[in-house]
């Protein structure tokens, strides 16, 4: 992802000395890690095929960029609106 952001948007995903602004000051958020922390699940259980379809906005994970982005965005909103696991 960093390669494409640098090439087409002159923005860096990762911190480094190369030319271009960074998208995040330090490492970006990993949705899988955020889901694990929010849900109290194992990191390895936080895969798109493990989440209820409604959490992904009923958008199949097809590896087509726009589909996966829409599903991930819906998952993020779902997680942000959930209470934190105890």
C-alpha atoms as a PDB file:
ATOM      1  CA  UNK A   1       0.000   0.000   0.000  1.00  0.00           C
ATOM      2  CA  UNK A   2       2.819   2.363   0.829  1.00  0.00           C
ATOM      3  CA  UNK A   3       4.193   1.966  -2.702  1.00  0.00           C
ATOM      4  CA  UNK A   4       0.924   3.011  -4.342  1.00  0.00           C
ATOM      5  CA  UNK A   5       0.327   5.890  -1.966  1.00  0.00           C
ATOM      6  CA  UNK A   6       3.831   7.207  -2.673  1.00  0.00           C
ATOM      7  CA  UNK A   7       3.518   6.700  -6.423  1.00  0.00           C
ATOM      8  CA  UNK A   8       0.047   8.121  -7.010  1.00  0.00           C
ATOM      9  CA  UNK A   9      -0.682  10.411  -4.052  1.00  0.00           C
ATOM     10  CA  UNK A  10       2.792  11.459  -2.821  1.00  0.00           C
ATOM     11  CA  UNK A  11       1.713  10.366   0.681  1.00  0.00           C
ATOM     12  CA  UNK A  12       3.536   7.821   2.789  1.00  0.00           C
ATOM     13  CA  UNK A  13       1.740   5.165   4.812  1.00  0.00           C
ATOM     14  CA  UNK A  14       4.825   4.294   6.835  1.00  0.00           C
ATOM     15  CA  UNK A  15       7.252   6.584   8.603  1.00  0.00           C
ATOM     16  CA  UNK A  16      10.516   6.978   6.757  1.00  0.00           C
ATOM     17  CA  UNK A  17      12.971   9.366   5.200  1.00  0.00           C
ATOM     18  CA  UNK A  18      11.616   9.224   1.625  1.00  0.00           C
ATOM     19  CA  UNK A  19      10.008  12.242   0.027  1.00  0.00           C
ATOM     20  CA  UNK A  20       6.314  12.769   0.598  1.00  0.00           C
ATOM     21  CA  UNK A  21       4.012  13.384   3.520  1.00  0.00           C
ATOM     22  CA  UNK A  22       3.157  10.512   5.838  1.00  0.00           C
ATOM     23  CA  UNK A  23      -0.457   9.407   6.120  1.00  0.00           C
ATOM     24  CA  UNK A  24       0.084   8.519   9.806  1.00  0.00           C
ATOM     25  CA  UNK A  25       2.627  10.001  12.217  1.00  0.00           C
ATOM     26  CA  UNK A  26       3.612   6.500  13.320  1.00  0.00           C
ATOM     27  CA  UNK A  27       2.311   3.097  12.206  1.00  0.00           C
ATOM     28  CA  UNK A  28      -1.265   3.063  10.944  1.00  0.00           C
ATOM     29  CA  UNK A  29      -4.106   1.225  12.597  1.00  0.00           C
ATOM     30  CA  UNK A  30      -4.466  -2.466  11.846  1.00  0.00           C
ATOM     31  CA  UNK A  31      -8.184  -3.278  11.609  1.00  0.00           C
ATOM     32  CA  UNK A  32      -7.543  -6.911  12.593  1.00  0.00           C
ATOM     33  CA  UNK A  33      -5.735  -5.837  15.783  1.00  0.00           C
ATOM     34  CA  UNK A  34      -8.400  -3.252  16.569  1.00  0.00           C
ATOM     35  CA  UNK A  35     -11.142  -5.882  16.172  1.00  0.00           C
ATOM     36  CA  UNK A  36      -9.274  -8.322  18.424  1.00  0.00           C
ATOM     37  CA  UNK A  37      -8.909  -5.716  21.152  1.00  0.00           C
ATOM     38  CA  UNK A  38     -12.456  -4.440  20.823  1.00  0.00           C
ATOM     39  CA  UNK A  39     -14.065  -7.890  20.769  1.00  0.00           C
ATOM     40  CA  UNK A  40     -11.723  -9.705  23.149  1.00  0.00           C
ATOM     41  CA  UNK A  41     -11.057 -12.309  20.430  1.00  0.00           C
ATOM     42  CA  UNK A  42      -7.764 -13.884  19.430  1.00  0.00           C
ATOM     43  CA  UNK A  43      -6.008 -11.957  16.668  1.00  0.00           C
ATOM     44  CA  UNK A  44      -6.157 -15.088  14.505  1.00  0.00           C
ATOM     45  CA  UNK A  45      -9.959 -15.284  14.889  1.00  0.00           C
ATOM     46  CA  UNK A  46     -10.428 -11.756  13.526  1.00  0.00           C
ATOM     47  CA  UNK A  47     -10.726 -12.583   9.826  1.00  0.00           C
ATOM     48  CA  UNK A  48     -13.378 -11.363   7.407  1.00  0.00           C
ATOM     49  CA  UNK A  49     -14.844 -14.865   7.097  1.00  0.00           C
ATOM     50  CA  UNK A  50     -15.323 -15.012  10.891  1.00  0.00           C
ATOM     51  CA  UNK A  51     -17.404 -11.832  11.171  1.00  0.00           C
ATOM     52  CA  UNK A  52     -21.180 -11.823  10.699  1.00  0.00           C
ATOM     53  CA  UNK A  53     -22.077 -10.627   7.205  1.00  0.00           C
ATOM     54  CA  UNK A  54     -23.907  -7.589   8.594  1.00  0.00           C
ATOM     55  CA  UNK A  55     -20.679  -6.385  10.240  1.00  0.00           C
ATOM     56  CA  UNK A  56     -19.140  -6.246   6.761  1.00  0.00           C
ATOM     57  CA  UNK A  57     -22.199  -4.464   5.365  1.00  0.00           C
ATOM     58  CA  UNK A  58     -23.188  -7.647   3.476  1.00  0.00           C
ATOM     59  CA  UNK A  59     -20.318  -6.843   1.087  1.00  0.00           C
ATOM     60  CA  UNK A  60     -18.418 -10.015   0.113  1.00  0.00           C
ATOM     61  CA  UNK A  61     -14.625  -9.947   0.555  1.00  0.00           C
ATOM     62  CA  UNK A  62     -13.736 -10.458  -3.131  1.00  0.00           C
ATOM     63  CA  UNK A  63     -10.188  -9.048  -3.218  1.00  0.00           C
ATOM     64  CA  UNK A  64     -11.574  -6.354  -5.541  1.00  0.00           C
ATOM     65  CA  UNK A  65     -10.268  -3.148  -3.956  1.00  0.00           C
ATOM     66  CA  UNK A  66     -13.568  -1.266  -3.833  1.00  0.00           C
ATOM     67  CA  UNK A  67     -15.486  -4.240  -2.381  1.00  0.00           C
ATOM     68  CA  UNK A  68     -12.871  -4.886   0.277  1.00  0.00           C
ATOM     69  CA  UNK A  69     -12.626  -1.170   1.138  1.00  0.00           C
ATOM     70  CA  UNK A  70     -16.401  -0.907   1.538  1.00  0.00           C
ATOM     71  CA  UNK A  71     -16.542  -4.009   3.720  1.00  0.00           C
ATOM     72  CA  UNK A  72     -13.607  -2.851   5.837  1.00  0.00           C
ATOM     73  CA  UNK A  73     -15.119   0.611   6.272  1.00  0.00           C
ATOM     74  CA  UNK A  74     -18.394  -0.930   7.392  1.00  0.00           C
ATOM     75  CA  UNK A  75     -16.550  -3.228   9.796  1.00  0.00           C
ATOM     76  CA  UNK A  76     -14.673  -0.257  11.266  1.00  0.00           C
ATOM     77  CA  UNK A  77     -17.911   1.662  11.831  1.00  0.00           C
ATOM     78  CA  UNK A  78     -19.518  -1.424  13.369  1.00  0.00           C
ATOM     79  CA  UNK A  79     -16.594  -1.886  15.761  1.00  0.00           C
ATOM     80  CA  UNK A  80     -16.483   1.804  16.707  1.00  0.00           C
ATOM     81  CA  UNK A  81     -20.172   1.681  17.609  1.00  0.00           C
ATOM     82  CA  UNK A  82     -19.836  -1.433  19.804  1.00  0.00           C
ATOM     83  CA  UNK A  83     -19.180  -1.379  23.528  1.00  0.00           C
ATOM     84  CA  UNK A  84     -15.714  -2.634  24.463  1.00  0.00           C
ATOM     85  CA  UNK A  85     -15.447  -6.282  25.625  1.00  0.00           C
ATOM     86  CA  UNK A  86     -14.728  -6.771  29.310  1.00  0.00           C
END
